[in-house]
Amino acid sequence: MEKELKADAYRDLSDAQPLLSLAARVDVSHTALLVIDMQNDFCAPGGYVERVIGKDIAACGAIVPRLRSLVDTARERGVPVFWLRACYRPDLLPASMRTKLTEQGITEVCCDRDTWGYDWYGVQPLSGEPVLEKHSYDGFVGTTLEHELRARGIRTLVFAGVQTNICVEATLRHANALGFHCVVPEDCVASHTQPAHDATLNNVRFLLGDVTRLDDLTPHWKTPSARVYLDYTQEELDRAYDQRAWADNRDAMLAWYAQASAGAREEYPHHRHVPYGPGPHETLDIFPAQRQGAPIHVHVHGGGWRNLSKDDESFLARTVVPAGGVLVVLDFSLIPEVRLPEMIAQTRRALAWVRAKAARFGGDPDRIHLSGHSSGAHMAAVLATTDWESLHLPADLVKSALLISGMYDLHPVMLSARSGYVKLQPDEIERYSPIRHLSRLNCPAVVAIGDRESPEFQRQARDFVRAAQEQDRQVELMQLPATNHYEIVTHLNAPDSALSQAALRLMGLSG
């Protein structure tokens, strides 16, 4: 039976008002720039295309000054810049591309990760600009590009980069079929041969979009856009990622966390400050079950990646332990002592330790479940979408995830004031955005959000669930009424709450 398409999968891009002129089509309020494959292997002397394929790459280098001008103007005028980056490693390629390369006798890998050929040529992204790795000529296939464009309300795409007749054209044709207006500044794209370049541009002029030039395009970007992300100004986006603006009881709730957690530690036997790694903060607390072979619930505390500790969220023991589970609450180093990538590395070490030592505290190493709140939900989602096999652990190490009020796409987060202390590089934003790695989500998940949280946190939850369901993952949304960001996790203190029951259901327990 054919899978039924979800009618509400994306916001409708049909034109409420037809864009009947180039000026209207490239208005800064709904336009994005796509920079495609500006990498050493395609553009640099001695790169793959020149050395292996034997093609003339002079035209690719010639567009760099104009492309820099285009990118700089886009940034100045508030036009979002998206970067598509090829990685044509054979195990990542579709069968059709592998077959063609085999027929041509080509065995060398083009644009392999962590190589000179993979690096940018002539231009490069700034921190916060989306970078999407593609494994085919079409930048929409196997990436979250469409999702990210829809989320920003983009209607028009400006195409730049290489090769005009291959990856630029493949991505443009897909964009046209999806309903995006397509614009190509012909002096900001290049191909190996002029006839191939011209043939693509003729097709665009005839059926697929607009062909213009740099100097004719950028004057239409007349004034800087007030929008930073979606319909947010910078001030609005900063507020959208500051939960204090949406809850006036933050201090009282943090005090409650500490008091309730201290009480839980008095009520339940536990092992405190158990080391799992070499760092001074790489410790965890274990609340064992009353039986052997119990499922293990590992919790990652919140605090914006820079505050709180495991001591603030021990109260989950009141739900997990009486139901027959083991509770493990993680500690880890925080910003600014370490950066977010090291925090993720520490929590991965913690999960590996829990699996290796599970029998010591009555846990079942094959029944490890996760939860996290706020920034902890982000980290738990990263753990749930980790390639565990690359770390010599089972792909399904995580058996379920309860993600509470988290951030799953770091791109808008890094456009907000949080970027002042989180400080991620473009490739790190992509690497640690769980929404971009849903193909590695091998367990059911519940994504919980309070209806009094920031609208942006609520959007993040909905978008994560929708994107996961579109990839046939077992993910459901739970919205808690009359609940703000700081209150929601307190529901795990009450075994009969809907949130606690969801946690126990995921663990195969009953309250």
Foldseek 3Di string as FASTA:
>chain_A
DDDDDDPPLFPDLPDPDDQPDLLSQCAQLAEAEEAEAQFCLQANVVHVCCPPVVFDRVLQVQLLVLLVVVVVLCVVQQHAYEYEFEWADPVQADPVVVVVCVVVVHDDTALHPPDRRRDGHSDDDFFLHAYWYDHALARVPLFCVVVQSRQQNHQEYEYAYDDQQTSRLNNQVVCQVVRHAYEYALSRHHHRDPVSSVVSQVVCVVPRHYYHHSVVNSVSSPHHDQDNGRNDGQVRLQLLLDFCNLDVCVVVLQVVLLVLLVVLPVVAPKDFFCALDDDPFRGKIKGFEPAAAAAEEEEEEDDLQADDFLSRHNLLCLQARVLGHMYMYGTADGPPVPAPVVRLVSVLSVLVSCLVCVRVRRHNQQRYEYEYAEQRLLSQLLVLLDCCVVVVDDLPSHAEYERELYAQQCSSVCSHPSVVTNVDGNVVSLSSRSLGRLVSRPYAYEYEYEPSERPVSVVRSVSSQSSNVVVVHRYYYHYDYPDYRSRPSCQSSPNPRPSSQVVQVSSVTGD
